[in-house]
PDB file of N, CA and C in Angstrom:
ATOM      1  N   MET A   1      74.668  24.747  39.324  1.00  0.00           N
ATOM      2  CA  MET A   1      73.936  23.693  40.001  1.00  0.00           C
ATOM      3  C   MET A   1      74.918  22.859  40.823  1.00  0.00           C
ATOM      4  N   GLN A   2      74.576  22.580  42.067  1.00  0.00           N
ATOM      5  CA  GLN A   2      75.435  21.810  42.956  1.00  0.00           C
ATOM      6  C   GLN A   2      74.927  20.375  43.032  1.00  0.00           C
ATOM      7  N   HIS A   3      75.852  19.436  42.926  1.00  0.00           N
ATOM      8  CA  HIS A   3      75.490  18.024  43.026  1.00  0.00           C
ATOM      9  C   HIS A   3      75.603  17.576  44.474  1.00  0.00           C
ATOM     10  N   ASP A   4      74.635  16.786  44.913  1.00  0.00           N
ATOM     11  CA  ASP A   4      74.650  16.279  46.282  1.00  0.00           C
ATOM     12  C   ASP A   4      75.287  14.899  46.305  1.00  0.00           C
ATOM     13  N   ARG A   5      76.581  14.873  46.031  1.00  0.00           N
ATOM     14  CA  ARG A   5      77.317  13.607  46.076  1.00  0.00           C
ATOM     15  C   ARG A   5      78.196  13.602  47.315  1.00  0.00           C
ATOM     16  N   PRO A   6      78.312  12.455  47.952  1.00  0.00           N
ATOM     17  CA  PRO A   6      79.204  12.399  49.109  1.00  0.00           C
ATOM     18  C   PRO A   6      80.658  12.587  48.677  1.00  0.00           C
ATOM     19  N   GLU A   7      81.430  13.171  49.545  1.00  0.00           N
ATOM     20  CA  GLU A   7      82.855  13.361  49.274  1.00  0.00           C
ATOM     21  C   GLU A   7      83.541  11.991  49.276  1.00  0.00           C
ATOM     22  N   ILE A   8      84.288  11.708  48.247  1.00  0.00           N
ATOM     23  CA  ILE A   8      84.972  10.421  48.129  1.00  0.00           C
ATOM     24  C   ILE A   8      86.470  10.660  48.147  1.00  0.00           C
ATOM     25  N   ASP A   9      87.163   9.967  49.053  1.00  0.00           N
ATOM     26  CA  ASP A   9      88.622  10.057  49.072  1.00  0.00           C
ATOM     27  C   ASP A   9      89.181   9.376  47.834  1.00  0.00           C
ATOM     28  N   PRO A  10      90.113  10.026  47.145  1.00  0.00           N
ATOM     29  CA  PRO A  10      90.737   9.336  46.027  1.00  0.00           C
ATOM     30  C   PRO A  10      91.583   8.175  46.549  1.00  0.00           C
ATOM     31  N   LEU A  11      91.735   7.150  45.739  1.00  0.00           N
ATOM     32  CA  LEU A  11      92.585   6.026  46.121  1.00  0.00           C
ATOM     33  C   LEU A  11      94.037   6.481  46.123  1.00  0.00           C
ATOM     34  N   TRP A  12      94.828   5.883  47.013  1.00  0.00           N
ATOM     35  CA  TRP A  12      96.244   6.240  47.119  1.00  0.00           C
ATOM     36  C   TRP A  12      97.083   5.347  46.227  1.00  0.00           C
ATOM     37  N   THR A  13      98.138   5.922  45.692  1.00  0.00           N
ATOM     38  CA  THR A  13      99.144   5.146  44.970  1.00  0.00           C
ATOM     39  C   THR A  13     100.081   4.518  45.994  1.00  0.00           C
ATOM     40  N   ALA A  14     100.931   3.615  45.523  1.00  0.00           N
ATOM     41  CA  ALA A  14     101.923   3.008  46.417  1.00  0.00           C
ATOM     42  C   ALA A  14     102.846   4.084  46.985  1.00  0.00           C
ATOM     43  N   ALA A  15     103.204   5.071  46.174  1.00  0.00           N
ATOM     44  CA  ALA A  15     104.082   6.152  46.652  1.00  0.00           C
ATOM     45  C   ALA A  15     103.407   6.972  47.749  1.00  0.00           C
ATOM     46  N   GLU A  16     102.111   7.253  47.571  1.00  0.00           N
ATOM     47  CA  GLU A  16     101.380   8.019  48.586  1.00  0.00           C
ATOM     48  C   GLU A  16     101.244   7.226  49.884  1.00  0.00           C
ATOM     49  N   LEU A  17     100.961   5.928  49.763  1.00  0.00           N
ATOM     50  CA  LEU A  17     100.854   5.095  50.959  1.00  0.00           C
ATOM     51  C   LEU A  17     102.205   4.949  51.643  1.00  0.00           C
ATOM     52  N   SER A  18     103.248   4.815  50.852  1.00  0.00           N
ATOM     53  CA  SER A  18     104.603   4.739  51.389  1.00  0.00           C
ATOM     54  C   SER A  18     104.897   5.959  52.255  1.00  0.00           C
ATOM     55  N   HIS A  19     104.540   7.128  51.760  1.00  0.00           N
ATOM     56  CA  HIS A  19     104.749   8.364  52.507  1.00  0.00           C
ATOM     57  C   HIS A  19     103.896   8.381  53.777  1.00  0.00           C
ATOM     58  N   TYR A  20     102.641   7.972  53.670  1.00  0.00           N
ATOM     59  CA  TYR A  20     101.729   7.964  54.818  1.00  0.00           C
ATOM     60  C   TYR A  20     102.230   7.041  55.925  1.00  0.00           C
ATOM     61  N   LEU A  21     102.674   5.838  55.539  1.00  0.00           N
ATOM     62  CA  LEU A  21     103.115   4.855  56.533  1.00  0.00           C
ATOM     63  C   LEU A  21     104.579   5.022  56.931  1.00  0.00           C
ATOM     64  N   GLY A  22     105.343   5.722  56.103  1.00  0.00           N
ATOM     65  CA  GLY A  22     106.767   5.883  56.391  1.00  0.00           C
ATOM     66  C   GLY A  22     107.563   4.618  56.123  1.00  0.00           C
ATOM     67  N   VAL A  23     107.135   3.857  55.134  1.00  0.00           N
ATOM     68  CA  VAL A  23     107.860   2.641  54.745  1.00  0.00           C
ATOM     69  C   VAL A  23     108.202   2.743  53.258  1.00  0.00           C
ATOM     70  N   PRO A  24     109.259   2.050  52.816  1.00  0.00           N
ATOM     71  CA  PRO A  24     109.615   2.093  51.395  1.00  0.00           C
ATOM     72  C   PRO A  24     108.534   1.455  50.515  1.00  0.00           C
ATOM     73  N   VAL A  25     108.408   1.936  49.295  1.00  0.00           N
ATOM     74  CA  VAL A  25     107.457   1.370  48.337  1.00  0.00           C
ATOM     75  C   VAL A  25     107.733  -0.122  48.155  1.00  0.00           C
ATOM     76  N   GLN A  26     108.992  -0.501  48.136  1.00  0.00           N
ATOM     77  CA  GLN A  26     109.344  -1.916  47.959  1.00  0.00           C
ATOM     78  C   GLN A  26     108.745  -2.779  49.071  1.00  0.00           C
ATOM     79  N   THR A  27     108.637  -2.250  50.269  1.00  0.00           N
ATOM     80  CA  THR A  27     108.007  -2.978  51.374  1.00  0.00           C
ATOM     81  C   THR A  27     106.537  -3.245  51.061  1.00  0.00           C
ATOM     82  N   LEU A  28     105.866  -2.262  50.474  1.00  0.00           N
ATOM     83  CA  LEU A  28     104.456  -2.453  50.108  1.00  0.00           C
ATOM     84  C   LEU A  28     104.313  -3.577  49.081  1.00  0.00           C
ATOM     85  N   TYR A  29     105.215  -3.619  48.089  1.00  0.00           N
ATOM     86  CA  TYR A  29     105.167  -4.685  47.084  1.00  0.00           C
ATOM     87  C   TYR A  29     105.450  -6.043  47.725  1.00  0.00           C
ATOM     88  N   GLN A  30     106.376  -6.070  48.669  1.00  0.00           N
ATOM     89  CA  GLN A  30     106.692  -7.321  49.357  1.00  0.00           C
ATOM     90  C   GLN A  30     105.501  -7.788  50.188  1.00  0.00           C
ATOM     91  N   TRP A  31     104.864  -6.871  50.906  1.00  0.00           N
ATOM     92  CA  TRP A  31     103.680  -7.236  51.683  1.00  0.00           C
ATOM     93  C   TRP A  31     102.596  -7.816  50.784  1.00  0.00           C
ATOM     94  N   LYS A  32     102.376  -7.187  49.621  1.00  0.00           N
ATOM     95  CA  LYS A  32     101.356  -7.697  48.691  1.00  0.00           C
ATOM     96  C   LYS A  32     101.706  -9.111  48.259  1.00  0.00           C
ATOM     97  N   TRP A  33     102.953  -9.333  47.900  1.00  0.00           N
ATOM     98  CA  TRP A  33     103.412 -10.646  47.445  1.00  0.00           C
ATOM     99  C   TRP A  33     103.234 -11.697  48.545  1.00  0.00           C
ATOM    100  N   LEU A  34     103.482 -11.295  49.801  1.00  0.00           N
ATOM    101  CA  LEU A  34     103.357 -12.212  50.937  1.00  0.00           C
ATOM    102  C   LEU A  34     101.925 -12.319  51.464  1.00  0.00           C
ATOM    103  N   GLY A  35     101.009 -11.522  50.928  1.00  0.00           N
ATOM    104  CA  GLY A  35      99.628 -11.531  51.412  1.00  0.00           C
ATOM    105  C   GLY A  35      99.475 -10.821  52.742  1.00  0.00           C
ATOM    106  N   GLN A  36     100.351  -9.869  53.003  1.00  0.00           N
ATOM    107  CA  GLN A  36     100.317  -9.110  54.258  1.00  0.00           C
ATOM    108  C   GLN A  36     100.016  -7.649  53.947  1.00  0.00           C
ATOM    109  N   GLY A  37     100.016  -6.825  54.970  1.00  0.00           N
ATOM    110  CA  GLY A  37      99.841  -5.394  54.771  1.00  0.00           C
ATOM    111  C   GLY A  37      98.396  -5.003  54.562  1.00  0.00           C
ATOM    112  N   PRO A  38      98.197  -3.732  54.246  1.00  0.00           N
ATOM    113  CA  PRO A  38      96.836  -3.223  54.063  1.00  0.00           C
ATOM    114  C   PRO A  38      96.207  -3.777  52.787  1.00  0.00           C
ATOM    115  N   PRO A  39      94.875  -3.796  52.727  1.00  0.00           N
ATOM    116  CA  PRO A  39      94.204  -4.266  51.504  1.00  0.00           C
ATOM    117  C   PRO A  39      94.639  -3.433  50.299  1.00  0.00           C
ATOM    118  N   VAL A  40      94.869  -4.111  49.198  1.00  0.00           N
ATOM    119  CA  VAL A  40      95.317  -3.441  47.971  1.00  0.00           C
ATOM    120  C   VAL A  40      94.382  -3.839  46.835  1.00  0.00           C
ATOM    121  N   HIS A  41      94.144  -2.914  45.937  1.00  0.00           N
ATOM    122  CA  HIS A  41      93.265  -3.155  44.794  1.00  0.00           C
ATOM    123  C   HIS A  41      94.057  -2.944  43.520  1.00  0.00           C
ATOM    124  N   LYS A  42      93.895  -3.849  42.581  1.00  0.00           N
ATOM    125  CA  LYS A  42      94.556  -3.695  41.293  1.00  0.00           C
ATOM    126  C   LYS A  42      93.573  -3.044  40.330  1.00  0.00           C
ATOM    127  N   ILE A  43      93.920  -1.866  39.864  1.00  0.00           N
ATOM    128  CA  ILE A  43      93.107  -1.119  38.907  1.00  0.00           C
ATOM    129  C   ILE A  43      93.904  -1.126  37.601  1.00  0.00           C
ATOM    130  N   GLY A  44      93.476  -1.978  36.673  1.00  0.00           N
ATOM    131  CA  GLY A  44      94.298  -2.176  35.478  1.00  0.00           C
ATOM    132  C   GLY A  44      95.610  -2.815  35.912  1.00  0.00           C
ATOM    133  N   ARG A  45      96.708  -2.167  35.624  1.00  0.00           N
ATOM    134  CA  ARG A  45      98.005  -2.694  36.083  1.00  0.00           C
ATOM    135  C   ARG A  45      98.573  -1.891  37.248  1.00  0.00           C
ATOM    136  N   HIS A  46      97.730  -1.044  37.834  1.00  0.00           N
ATOM    137  CA  HIS A  46      98.170  -0.180  38.924  1.00  0.00           C
ATOM    138  C   HIS A  46      97.619  -0.660  40.257  1.00  0.00           C
ATOM    139  N   LEU A  47      98.439  -0.551  41.293  1.00  0.00           N
ATOM    140  CA  LEU A  47      97.995  -0.874  42.649  1.00  0.00           C
ATOM    141  C   LEU A  47      97.475   0.400  43.304  1.00  0.00           C
ATOM    142  N   ARG A  48      96.320   0.282  43.944  1.00  0.00           N
ATOM    143  CA  ARG A  48      95.720   1.419  44.637  1.00  0.00           C
ATOM    144  C   ARG A  48      95.225   0.974  46.009  1.00  0.00           C
ATOM    145  N   TYR A  49      95.236   1.922  46.938  1.00  0.00           N
ATOM    146  CA  TYR A  49      94.857   1.664  48.319  1.00  0.00           C
ATOM    147  C   TYR A  49      93.744   2.624  48.713  1.00  0.00           C
ATOM    148  N   ASP A  50      92.705   2.086  49.355  1.00  0.00           N
ATOM    149  CA  ASP A  50      91.597   2.902  49.849  1.00  0.00           C
ATOM    150  C   ASP A  50      92.012   3.468  51.206  1.00  0.00           C
ATOM    151  N   PRO A  51      92.061   4.793  51.351  1.00  0.00           N
ATOM    152  CA  PRO A  51      92.497   5.387  52.623  1.00  0.00           C
ATOM    153  C   PRO A  51      91.721   4.871  53.836  1.00  0.00           C
ATOM    154  N   ALA A  52      90.414   4.664  53.696  1.00  0.00           N
ATOM    155  CA  ALA A  52      89.611   4.173  54.823  1.00  0.00           C
ATOM    156  C   ALA A  52      90.050   2.762  55.213  1.00  0.00           C
ATOM    157  N   GLU A  53      90.331   1.916  54.229  1.00  0.00           N
ATOM    158  CA  GLU A  53      90.792   0.551  54.525  1.00  0.00           C
ATOM    159  C   GLU A  53      92.179   0.565  55.152  1.00  0.00           C
ATOM    160  N   VAL A  54      93.025   1.467  54.696  1.00  0.00           N
ATOM    161  CA  VAL A  54      94.373   1.581  55.275  1.00  0.00           C
ATOM    162  C   VAL A  54      94.276   2.009  56.729  1.00  0.00           C
ATOM    163  N   ARG A  55      93.433   2.998  56.999  1.00  0.00           N
ATOM    164  CA  ARG A  55      93.291   3.467  58.391  1.00  0.00           C
ATOM    165  C   ARG A  55      92.717   2.369  59.291  1.00  0.00           C
ATOM    166  N   ALA A  56      91.786   1.579  58.780  1.00  0.00           N
ATOM    167  CA  ALA A  56      91.236   0.461  59.556  1.00  0.00           C
ATOM    168  C   ALA A  56      92.312  -0.592  59.808  1.00  0.00           C
ATOM    169  N   TRP A  57      93.153  -0.846  58.813  1.00  0.00           N
ATOM    170  CA  TRP A  57      94.252  -1.810  58.971  1.00  0.00           C
ATOM    171  C   TRP A  57      95.232  -1.331  60.043  1.00  0.00           C
ATOM    172  N   VAL A  58      95.584  -0.048  60.005  1.00  0.00           N
ATOM    173  CA  VAL A  58      96.498   0.515  61.019  1.00  0.00           C
ATOM    174  C   VAL A  58      95.854   0.402  62.403  1.00  0.00           C
ATOM    175  N   ALA A  59      94.552   0.688  62.505  1.00  0.00           N
ATOM    176  CA  ALA A  59      93.862   0.591  63.790  1.00  0.00           C
ATOM    177  C   ALA A  59      93.867  -0.851  64.300  1.00  0.00           C
ATOM    178  N   SER A  60      93.754  -1.821  63.392  1.00  0.00           N
ATOM    179  CA  SER A  60      93.775  -3.222  63.816  1.00  0.00           C
ATOM    180  C   SER A  60      95.151  -3.609  64.359  1.00  0.00           C
ATOM    181  N   LEU A  61      96.206  -2.998  63.828  1.00  0.00           N
ATOM    182  CA  LEU A  61      97.546  -3.267  64.342  1.00  0.00           C
ATOM    183  C   LEU A  61      97.687  -2.738  65.760  1.00  0.00           C
ATOM    184  N   ARG A  62      97.104  -1.571  65.994  1.00  0.00           N
ATOM    185  CA  ARG A  62      97.156  -0.988  67.332  1.00  0.00           C
ATOM    186  C   ARG A  62      96.427  -1.866  68.347  1.00  0.00           C
ATOM    187  N   SER A  63      95.279  -2.425  67.958  1.00  0.00           N
ATOM    188  CA  SER A  63      94.516  -3.247  68.894  1.00  0.00           C
ATOM    189  C   SER A  63      95.216  -4.586  69.143  1.00  0.00           C
ATOM    190  N   GLU A  64      95.940  -5.103  68.134  1.00  0.00           N
ATOM    191  CA  GLU A  64      96.692  -6.350  68.326  1.00  0.00           C
ATOM    192  C   GLU A  64      97.855  -6.144  69.292  1.00  0.00           C
ATOM    193  N   ALA A  65      98.457  -4.957  69.259  1.00  0.00           N
ATOM    194  CA  ALA A  65      99.608  -4.662  70.095  1.00  0.00           C
ATOM    195  C   ALA A  65      99.210  -4.395  71.555  1.00  0.00           C
ATOM    196  N   ALA A  66      97.955  -4.071  71.782  1.00  0.00           N
ATOM    197  CA  ALA A  66      97.499  -3.711  73.137  1.00  0.00           C
ATOM    198  C   ALA A  66      97.279  -4.940  73.999  1.00  0.00           C
TER     199      ALA A  66
END
């Protein structure tokens, strides 16, 4: 039996986001502390990033630079 559920992107870890953006993990922690950077969600004691929110954040940077 096949379930008709929409495909959901898994949340990214700080390491995965670091690789995607090409910045050190420590930069992500600093951005969180400063209230900057992409939206971050705390799941228990872990930080997770929604890929769709990250892509929207990157797109907003592009529009600010234009």
